[in-house]
Protein backbone atom coordinates (compact mmCIF):
# COMPACT_ATOMS: atom_id res chain seq x y z
CA VAL A 1 87.81 -75.15 -58.05
CA LEU A 2 85.20 -72.41 -57.89
CA PHE A 3 83.05 -74.25 -60.44
CA LEU A 4 82.97 -77.48 -58.44
CA GLN A 5 79.58 -78.33 -56.94
CA ILE A 6 79.75 -79.86 -53.48
CA VAL A 7 76.68 -80.77 -51.49
CA HIS A 8 76.75 -81.13 -47.70
CA ILE A 9 74.13 -83.46 -46.25
CA LEU A 10 73.40 -83.60 -42.53
CA ASN A 11 72.16 -87.02 -41.54
CA MET A 12 69.61 -86.27 -38.81
CA THR A 13 69.61 -89.90 -37.68
CA SER A 14 73.32 -89.82 -36.78
CA ALA A 15 74.06 -86.06 -36.58
CA LYS A 16 76.93 -86.55 -39.03
CA ILE A 17 77.69 -84.58 -42.18
CA VAL A 18 78.51 -86.31 -45.45
CA SER A 19 79.71 -84.33 -48.46
CA PHE A 20 79.57 -85.26 -52.13
CA LEU A 21 81.15 -83.77 -55.21
CA LEU A 22 78.39 -83.63 -57.79
CA HIS A 23 79.10 -84.83 -61.29
CA PRO A 24 77.91 -82.70 -64.21
CA GLU A 25 74.20 -83.25 -64.89
CA GLU A 26 74.02 -85.88 -62.15
CA SER A 27 70.48 -86.99 -61.36
CA LEU A 28 69.00 -86.95 -57.88
CA HIS A 29 68.53 -90.72 -58.01
CA SER A 30 72.26 -91.16 -58.59
CA LEU A 31 73.01 -88.94 -55.60
CA GLN A 32 70.57 -90.93 -53.47
CA ASN A 33 72.36 -94.15 -54.38
CA ARG A 34 75.60 -92.61 -53.16
CA ILE A 35 73.88 -91.45 -49.97
CA GLU A 36 72.57 -94.97 -49.39
CA PHE A 37 76.09 -96.34 -49.71
CA GLU A 38 77.42 -93.84 -47.15
CA THR A 39 74.57 -93.80 -44.61
CA GLY A 40 72.80 -97.14 -45.04
CA ILE A 41 69.42 -95.44 -45.55
CA SER A 42 67.68 -96.90 -48.60
CA THR A 43 66.66 -94.57 -51.40
CA GLY A 44 63.00 -95.33 -50.77
CA ASN A 45 63.27 -94.17 -47.15
CA GLN A 46 65.35 -91.07 -47.83
CA GLU A 47 63.69 -87.69 -47.37
CA LEU A 48 65.93 -84.80 -48.39
CA LEU A 49 64.75 -81.39 -47.18
CA LEU A 50 66.06 -77.93 -47.89
CA GLU A 51 66.21 -75.32 -45.13
CA THR A 52 62.78 -74.07 -46.22
CA GLY A 53 61.24 -77.49 -45.58
CA ILE A 54 60.78 -78.19 -49.30
CA CYS A 55 61.47 -81.75 -50.36
CA LEU A 56 63.86 -82.21 -53.27
CA ASP A 57 62.17 -82.83 -56.60
CA PRO A 58 63.21 -86.21 -58.09
CA ARG A 59 62.52 -84.85 -61.59
CA LYS A 60 65.24 -82.21 -61.24
CA PRO A 61 69.01 -82.79 -61.27
CA ALA A 62 71.03 -83.15 -58.09
CA ALA A 63 72.37 -79.61 -58.55
CA GLN A 64 69.18 -78.34 -56.89
CA CYS A 65 70.95 -79.12 -53.59
CA VAL A 66 73.57 -76.43 -54.23
CA ILE A 67 72.95 -72.70 -53.96
CA ASP A 68 74.14 -70.35 -56.67
CA GLY A 69 77.19 -68.20 -56.05
CA VAL A 70 80.25 -68.58 -53.84
CA ARG A 71 79.10 -66.96 -50.62
CA GLY A 72 77.68 -69.44 -48.11
CA TRP A 73 78.03 -72.53 -50.28
CA ASP A 74 80.21 -74.28 -47.71
CA SER A 75 77.68 -73.82 -44.90
CA TYR A 76 74.54 -74.67 -46.91
CA MET A 77 73.02 -77.94 -45.75
CA VAL A 78 70.56 -80.47 -47.05
CA TYR A 79 68.87 -82.41 -44.24
CA LEU A 80 68.46 -86.16 -44.55
CA PHE A 81 65.63 -87.94 -42.71
CA ASP A 82 64.77 -91.62 -42.56
CA LYS A 83 61.06 -92.03 -43.40
CA SER A 84 61.01 -95.46 -41.78
CA LYS A 85 61.63 -93.84 -38.37
CA THR A 86 59.45 -91.52 -36.38
CA VAL A 87 61.50 -91.66 -33.16
CA TYR A 88 65.13 -90.57 -33.24
CA ASP A 89 67.42 -91.92 -30.54
CA GLY A 90 69.26 -88.69 -29.71
CA PRO A 91 71.15 -87.12 -28.09
CA PHE A 92 74.27 -88.32 -29.83
CA ALA A 93 77.83 -88.29 -28.58
CA SER A 94 79.61 -84.96 -28.82
CA ARG A 95 82.41 -84.49 -31.30
CA SER A 96 85.65 -86.07 -30.23
CA LEU A 97 88.35 -84.08 -28.44
CA SER A 98 91.74 -83.47 -29.98
CA ASP A 99 94.74 -84.96 -28.19
CA CYS A 100 95.82 -81.61 -26.81
CA VAL A 101 92.41 -80.68 -25.46
CA ASN A 102 91.89 -84.19 -24.09
CA TYR A 103 95.25 -83.82 -22.28
CA ILE A 104 94.12 -80.76 -20.28
CA VAL A 105 90.64 -82.23 -19.71
CA GLN A 106 92.19 -85.30 -18.11
CA ASP A 107 94.21 -83.08 -15.75
CA SER A 108 93.06 -79.47 -15.71
CA LYS A 109 95.60 -78.47 -13.05
CA ILE A 110 98.65 -79.43 -15.05
CA GLN A 111 101.00 -76.48 -15.54
CA LEU A 112 101.96 -75.65 -19.14
CA PRO A 113 104.11 -72.87 -20.58
CA ILE A 114 102.16 -69.90 -21.88
CA PRO A 115 103.12 -70.37 -25.59
CA GLN A 116 102.05 -74.03 -25.45
CA LEU A 117 98.95 -73.16 -23.46
CA ARG A 118 97.90 -70.69 -26.15
CA LYS A 119 97.87 -73.44 -28.76
CA VAL A 120 95.92 -75.81 -26.50
CA TRP A 121 93.39 -73.16 -25.56
CA ALA A 122 92.96 -72.16 -29.20
CA GLU A 123 91.95 -75.73 -29.96
CA ALA A 124 89.69 -75.70 -26.89
CA VAL A 125 87.94 -72.56 -28.13
CA HIS A 126 87.55 -74.17 -31.55
CA TYR A 127 86.03 -77.24 -29.86
CA VAL A 128 83.50 -75.13 -27.90
CA ILE A 129 82.54 -73.21 -31.05
CA GLY A 130 82.16 -76.53 -32.87
CA LEU A 131 79.75 -77.85 -30.22
CA LYS A 132 77.60 -74.77 -30.60
CA GLU A 133 77.62 -75.03 -34.40
CA ASP A 134 76.69 -78.72 -34.22
CA TYR A 135 73.63 -77.78 -32.21
CA SER A 136 72.82 -74.90 -34.58
CA ARG A 137 72.86 -77.23 -37.60
CA LEU A 138 70.70 -79.83 -35.88
CA PHE A 139 68.27 -77.13 -34.79
CA GLN A 140 68.08 -75.94 -38.38
CA GLY A 141 67.27 -79.51 -39.39
CA GLN A 142 64.50 -79.60 -36.79
CA ARG A 143 63.19 -76.31 -38.18
CA ALA A 144 63.19 -77.77 -41.71
CA ALA A 145 61.17 -80.70 -40.36
CA MET A 146 58.69 -78.27 -38.77
CA LEU A 147 58.30 -76.32 -42.02
CA SER A 148 57.77 -79.59 -43.89
CA LEU A 149 55.14 -80.59 -41.33
CA LEU A 150 53.35 -77.27 -41.82
CA ARG A 151 53.31 -77.84 -45.59
CA TYR A 152 51.75 -81.26 -45.07
CA ASN A 153 49.29 -79.75 -42.62
CA ALA A 154 48.30 -77.05 -45.13
CA ASN A 155 47.61 -79.76 -47.70
CA LEU A 156 45.63 -81.70 -45.09
CA ILE A 157 43.51 -78.65 -44.25
CA LYS A 158 42.84 -78.03 -47.95
CA MET A 159 41.69 -81.62 -48.47
CA LYS A 160 39.64 -81.49 -45.28
CA ASN A 161 37.84 -78.33 -46.47
CA ASN A 162 37.09 -80.01 -49.81
CA MET A 163 35.77 -83.06 -47.98
CA VAL A 164 33.55 -80.99 -45.66
CA SER A 165 32.21 -78.94 -48.58
CA ALA A 166 31.43 -82.07 -50.60
CA SER A 167 29.78 -83.68 -47.57
CA GLN A 168 27.56 -80.65 -46.97
CA GLN A 169 26.52 -80.58 -50.64
CA LEU A 170 25.69 -84.28 -50.52
CA LYS A 171 23.69 -83.77 -47.33
CA ALA A 172 21.63 -80.98 -48.94
CA LYS A 173 20.97 -83.05 -52.05
CA LEU A 174 19.96 -86.07 -49.99
CA GLU A 175 17.51 -84.03 -47.91
CA PHE A 176 15.95 -82.60 -51.07
CA PHE A 177 15.78 -86.02 -52.75
CA GLN A 178 14.29 -87.77 -49.72
CA GLN A 179 11.62 -85.13 -49.21
CA SER A 180 10.78 -85.18 -52.91
CA ILE A 181 10.47 -88.95 -53.16
CA ARG A 182 8.33 -89.14 -49.99
CA LEU A 183 5.95 -86.58 -51.49
CA ASP A 184 5.93 -88.44 -54.82
CA LEU A 185 5.13 -91.73 -53.10
CA GLU A 186 2.25 -90.13 -51.18
CA ARG A 187 0.78 -88.52 -54.29
CA TYR A 188 1.25 -91.69 -56.29
CA SER A 189 -0.64 -93.72 -53.66
CA ASP A 190 -3.49 -91.19 -53.72
CA GLN A 191 -4.04 -91.51 -57.48
CA MET A 192 -3.60 -95.29 -57.81
CA ALA A 193 -7.36 -95.90 -57.37
CA TYR A 194 -8.43 -93.77 -60.34
CA GLY A 195 -5.20 -93.07 -62.23
CA ILE A 196 -2.22 -94.98 -63.50
CA SER A 197 -0.45 -97.67 -61.48
CA SER A 198 2.79 -99.57 -61.96
CA GLU A 199 3.98 -101.99 -59.28
CA LYS A 200 7.43 -102.17 -60.77
CA MET A 201 7.84 -98.41 -60.76
CA LEU A 202 6.55 -98.19 -57.19
CA LYS A 203 9.07 -100.83 -56.13
CA ALA A 204 11.85 -98.95 -57.93
CA TRP A 205 10.97 -95.73 -56.10
CA LYS A 206 11.01 -97.48 -52.73
CA GLU A 207 14.41 -98.97 -53.58
CA MET A 208 15.60 -95.45 -54.42
CA GLU A 209 14.46 -94.30 -50.99
CA GLU A 210 16.42 -97.09 -49.32
CA LYS A 211 19.49 -96.42 -51.47
CA ALA A 212 19.34 -92.75 -50.53
CA SER A 213 19.47 -93.77 -46.87
CA GLN A 214 22.58 -95.82 -47.62
CA CYS A 215 24.17 -92.88 -49.46
CA ALA A 216 23.74 -90.84 -46.29
CA GLN A 217 26.49 -92.94 -44.72
CA ALA A 218 29.02 -91.36 -47.11
CA GLU A 219 28.38 -87.90 -45.67
CA ASP A 220 29.35 -89.09 -42.19
CA ILE A 221 32.91 -87.78 -41.89
CA GLY A 222 32.79 -86.97 -38.20
CA TYR A 223 35.45 -89.51 -37.25
CA LEU A 224 37.90 -88.05 -39.78
CA ASP A 225 37.08 -84.50 -38.74
CA GLU A 226 37.79 -85.34 -35.11
CA GLN A 227 41.17 -86.88 -35.97
CA ILE A 228 42.13 -83.88 -38.10
CA MET A 229 41.13 -81.40 -35.41
CA ALA A 230 43.05 -83.33 -32.74
CA LEU A 231 46.09 -83.44 -34.99
CA HIS A 232 45.79 -79.74 -35.75
CA THR A 233 45.70 -78.99 -32.01
CA GLU A 234 48.79 -81.14 -31.50
CA ILE A 235 50.66 -79.28 -34.25
CA VAL A 236 49.73 -75.91 -32.74
CA GLU A 237 51.04 -77.07 -29.36
CA LEU A 238 54.30 -78.16 -31.00
CA GLN A 239 54.64 -74.72 -32.57
CA LYS A 240 54.11 -73.05 -29.19
CA SER A 241 56.54 -75.37 -27.42
CA PRO A 242 59.72 -73.69 -26.12
CA TYR A 243 61.70 -76.51 -27.73
CA ALA A 244 60.55 -75.22 -31.11
CA ARG A 245 62.72 -72.15 -30.48
CA ARG A 246 66.47 -71.96 -30.32
CA GLN A 247 67.87 -73.13 -26.97
CA GLY A 248 71.55 -72.35 -27.51
CA GLU A 249 71.83 -69.21 -25.38
CA VAL A 250 73.82 -71.00 -22.70
CA MET A 251 76.20 -72.47 -25.26
CA GLU A 252 76.65 -69.08 -26.88
CA SER A 253 77.53 -67.48 -23.55
CA LEU A 254 80.00 -70.28 -22.83
CA GLU A 255 81.50 -69.75 -26.27
CA GLN A 256 82.02 -66.07 -25.50
CA ARG A 257 83.58 -66.88 -22.14
CA ALA A 258 86.03 -69.28 -23.81
CA ILE A 259 86.98 -66.59 -26.36
CA ASP A 260 87.50 -64.04 -23.59
CA LEU A 261 89.74 -66.45 -21.64
CA TYR A 262 91.84 -67.04 -24.71
CA LYS A 263 92.15 -63.28 -25.32
CA GLN A 264 93.30 -62.79 -21.74
CA LEU A 265 95.88 -65.53 -22.15
CA LYS A 266 97.05 -64.05 -25.44
CA THR A 267 97.82 -60.71 -23.81
CA ARG A 268 100.13 -62.30 -21.26
CA PRO A 269 103.82 -61.98 -22.15
CA PRO A 270 105.45 -65.17 -23.48
CA ASP A 271 107.85 -65.46 -20.60
CA HIS A 272 108.81 -68.51 -18.68
CA ALA A 273 105.57 -68.44 -16.68
CA TYR A 274 103.31 -71.47 -16.40
CA SER A 275 99.57 -71.74 -15.91
CA ASP A 276 96.88 -74.38 -15.58
CA SER A 277 93.67 -74.87 -17.62
CA THR A 278 91.08 -75.10 -14.85
CA ASP A 279 88.84 -72.30 -16.13
CA MET A 280 88.97 -73.46 -19.75
CA VAL A 281 88.24 -77.08 -18.83
CA LYS A 282 85.29 -75.93 -16.75
CA ILE A 283 83.87 -74.13 -19.79
CA ILE A 284 84.42 -77.24 -21.96
CA VAL A 285 82.59 -79.47 -19.48
CA GLN A 286 79.69 -77.03 -19.12
CA THR A 287 79.38 -76.73 -22.90
CA VAL A 288 79.27 -80.51 -23.35
CA GLN A 289 76.65 -80.83 -20.61
CA SER A 290 74.59 -78.00 -22.12
CA GLN A 291 74.78 -79.61 -25.54
CA ASP A 292 73.60 -82.95 -24.15
CA ARG A 293 70.59 -81.25 -22.54
CA VAL A 294 69.53 -79.18 -25.55
CA LEU A 295 70.06 -82.10 -27.95
CA LYS A 296 67.89 -84.33 -25.79
CA GLU A 297 65.12 -81.73 -25.92
CA LEU A 298 65.69 -81.15 -29.63
CA PHE A 299 65.40 -84.80 -30.64
CA GLY A 300 62.42 -85.33 -28.36
CA HIS A 301 60.66 -82.45 -30.08
CA LEU A 302 61.81 -83.68 -33.49
CA SER A 303 60.32 -87.12 -32.81
CA LYS A 304 56.96 -85.50 -32.02
CA LEU A 305 57.12 -83.53 -35.27
CA LEU A 306 57.85 -86.65 -37.29
CA GLY A 307 55.07 -88.51 -35.48
CA CYS A 308 52.55 -85.81 -36.44
CA LYS A 309 53.80 -85.87 -40.00
CA GLN A 310 53.32 -89.63 -40.19
CA LYS A 311 49.76 -89.24 -38.88
CA ILE A 312 49.06 -86.78 -41.69
CA ILE A 313 50.55 -89.18 -44.24
CA ASP A 314 48.28 -91.93 -42.89
CA LEU A 315 45.21 -89.66 -42.93
CA LEU A 316 45.56 -88.43 -46.51
CA PRO A 317 44.52 -91.77 -48.15
CA GLU A 318 41.53 -92.03 -45.80
CA ILE A 319 40.40 -88.55 -46.84
CA GLU A 320 40.82 -89.54 -50.50
CA VAL A 321 38.61 -92.59 -49.93
CA ALA A 322 35.99 -90.47 -48.13
CA LEU A 323 36.00 -87.95 -50.99
CA ASN A 324 35.54 -90.71 -53.56
CA ASN A 325 32.67 -92.21 -51.55
CA ILE A 326 30.99 -88.81 -51.33
CA LYS A 327 31.37 -88.25 -55.08
CA GLU A 328 29.94 -91.71 -55.85
CA ALA A 329 27.00 -91.12 -53.53
CA ASP A 330 26.43 -87.70 -55.08
CA ASN A 331 26.39 -89.21 -58.58
CA SER A 332 23.97 -91.94 -57.43
CA VAL A 333 21.57 -89.37 -55.97
CA MET A 334 21.63 -87.29 -59.14
CA GLN A 335 21.06 -90.37 -61.31
CA MET A 336 18.13 -91.48 -59.16
CA GLN A 337 16.66 -87.97 -59.28
CA GLY A 338 16.94 -87.89 -63.07
CA LYS A 339 15.44 -91.35 -63.44
CA ARG A 340 12.50 -90.51 -61.21
CA GLN A 341 11.78 -87.29 -63.08
CA ARG A 342 11.84 -89.13 -66.41
CA GLU A 343 9.37 -91.67 -65.03
CA ILE A 344 7.08 -88.89 -63.77
CA TRP A 345 7.06 -87.26 -67.18
CA HIS A 346 6.40 -90.67 -68.74
CA LEU A 347 3.38 -91.10 -66.47
CA LEU A 348 2.21 -87.63 -67.42
CA LYS A 349 2.50 -88.53 -71.10
CA ILE A 350 0.40 -91.68 -70.61
CA ALA A 351 -2.20 -89.75 -68.62
CA CYS A 352 -2.45 -87.10 -71.32
CA THR A 353 -2.72 -89.76 -74.02
CA GLN A 354 -5.55 -91.54 -72.19
CA SER A 355 -7.37 -88.26 -71.61
CA SER A 356 -7.13 -87.40 -75.31
CA SER A 357 -8.40 -90.81 -76.33
CA ARG A 358 -11.39 -90.53 -74.00
CA SER A 359 -12.25 -87.12 -75.44
CA LEU A 360 -12.08 -88.45 -79.00
CA VAL A 361 -14.27 -91.45 -78.16
CA SER A 362 -16.91 -89.37 -76.38
CA SER A 363 -17.04 -86.82 -79.20
CA SER A 364 -17.35 -89.53 -81.84
CA LEU A 365 -20.12 -91.28 -79.91
CA GLU A 366 -22.03 -88.03 -79.56
CA GLY A 367 -21.70 -87.38 -83.30
CA THR A 368 -22.85 -90.92 -84.09
CA ALA A 369 -25.93 -90.60 -81.91
CA SER A 370 -27.05 -87.22 -83.17
CA THR A 371 -26.36 -87.35 -86.90
CA PRO A 372 -28.55 -90.38 -87.88
CA ALA A 373 -31.41 -89.05 -85.80
CA ALA A 374 -31.32 -85.74 -87.57
CA ALA A 375 -31.24 -87.51 -90.89
CA TRP A 376 -34.42 -89.51 -90.11
CA ILE A 377 -36.45 -86.74 -88.50
CA PRO A 378 -39.28 -85.75 -90.89
CA GLN A 379 -39.38 -82.15 -92.00
CA SER A 380 -42.60 -80.50 -90.81
CA SER A 381 -44.33 -78.13 -93.19
CA SER A 382 -45.08 -74.62 -92.27
CA GLY A 383 -48.83 -75.15 -92.90
CA ASN A 384 -51.43 -77.51 -91.48
CA THR A 385 -51.18 -79.87 -94.43
CA PRO A 386 -49.96 -83.31 -93.25
CA PRO A 387 -46.60 -84.44 -94.61
CA HIS A 388 -46.38 -86.43 -97.75
CA PRO A 389 -46.12 -90.15 -97.07
CA LEU A 390 -42.81 -90.37 -98.96
CA SER A 391 -41.29 -87.43 -97.20
CA SER A 392 -39.89 -89.69 -94.39
CA LEU A 393 -37.68 -91.56 -96.86
CA ALA A 394 -34.13 -90.36 -97.16
CA ALA A 395 -33.23 -88.49 -100.23
CA PRO A 396 -30.25 -89.69 -102.20
CA GLN A 397 -28.13 -86.79 -100.85
CA GLU A 398 -29.04 -87.55 -97.25
CA GLY A 399 -28.04 -91.19 -97.77
CA ASP A 400 -24.62 -90.09 -98.88
CA ASN A 401 -24.25 -88.01 -95.68
CA PHE A 402 -25.18 -90.99 -93.53
CA ALA A 403 -22.57 -93.19 -95.25
CA ALA A 404 -19.95 -90.50 -94.64
CA VAL A 405 -20.84 -90.41 -90.92
CA ILE A 406 -20.51 -94.17 -90.68
CA GLN A 407 -17.12 -94.06 -92.39
CA GLU A 408 -16.01 -91.31 -90.01
CA ASN A 409 -17.04 -93.41 -87.02
CA VAL A 410 -15.09 -96.35 -88.43
CA ASN A 411 -12.04 -94.11 -88.76
CA TYR A 412 -12.43 -92.93 -85.16
CA LEU A 413 -12.74 -96.51 -84.00
CA GLU A 414 -9.52 -97.47 -85.78
CA LEU A 415 -7.77 -94.42 -84.27
CA PHE A 416 -9.06 -95.31 -80.81
CA SER A 417 -7.83 -98.90 -81.22
CA SER A 418 -4.35 -97.74 -82.24
CA ILE A 419 -4.21 -95.32 -79.27
CA LEU A 420 -5.22 -98.09 -76.85
CA GLN A 421 -2.60 -100.38 -78.33
CA GLU A 422 0.08 -97.66 -77.94
CA VAL A 423 -0.92 -97.06 -74.31
CA ARG A 424 -0.73 -100.79 -73.57
CA GLN A 425 2.75 -100.97 -75.11
CA GLU A 426 3.96 -98.01 -73.05
CA GLN A 427 2.54 -99.49 -69.87
CA ASN A 428 4.18 -102.85 -70.68
CA SER A 429 7.52 -101.06 -71.27
CA MET A 430 7.23 -99.48 -67.82
CA MET A 431 6.57 -102.88 -66.29
CA VAL A 432 9.68 -104.38 -67.92
């Protein structure tokens, strides 16, 4: 018997306890099917919480519901919630009276012998203690719901911080990109008259500027931030609420009064005396009324907790979408920045190529103009004797030099033609 594993599940929608004997290595899904059969709550809508507010892991066996050891196993509860409901219709009816207790409640002034009255009052004390324990278990279920809500809220805050951080990074990158592209467009317009121009590239840069303005919409998370802050304030108020704390002091005092009455009756001698149950019935009625009041407050508070939790569940996908939009916008900005920088370096390459070609052409033209002239200038003699008439004719060696200069100029011309052709191809590739 000691090795049997029994799980007690408190259905928070009906305030009733259902117990199951776990089979060896039984899965949680199998247990949930049995719970559905007993409670009518479908497996998809079942939320099973431990006292710590941790939801049961579907990957682990059903034995995770049972604590290790013998002590306390019979009082350990798993709390069942219906995820399709956010408002619970409590308070529920109190536990039913036994026949004996119901007999004295119907007529509290009826006289009963002391030995019989002891038995009836013992059951009455047990009933009062049971009402208090019912409230204690339901309060523990509400506390598990609060702890679960705080876990969801911690996850929400973590995602919100990631979203805000990503939004701020995107905002900084957008400001840098927009300032950079405005400066590039201004400088590009200034050099168009005497430098390099490309209408297609200019159009692409302007489209980048417009796309950057559209990406700025992704960083606007103000509406989500407002909802999260309002929800956070609501959760803090629920934590501060007096209904979040135990309200069973009155029931506990009534329980002690019932025990004291029974002790007083127990000390009376079992003679032929008779007595009524007016005082005990009064305690029973007050306990039932107190339970109705605290349960009404408890389930009202529980409904608010579940409502906040559902708001968090609804917000999480919206935050995921916002994060994805921010990441996509961030990637777009970085791609546009990289593309623009590559184009700037491409323009710089073309400008350097054209500058080199101009230098080569000017140097070759200067060499062409000076070398033949030097070859045909007559050499003046050091004396006054006039030059020989044949001295102006080129010597065979000087003719060879002139042919070499011509060949060099032809080579430069071919090089210049190839450079111009390469520049045209690069400019055409930029236009495409």
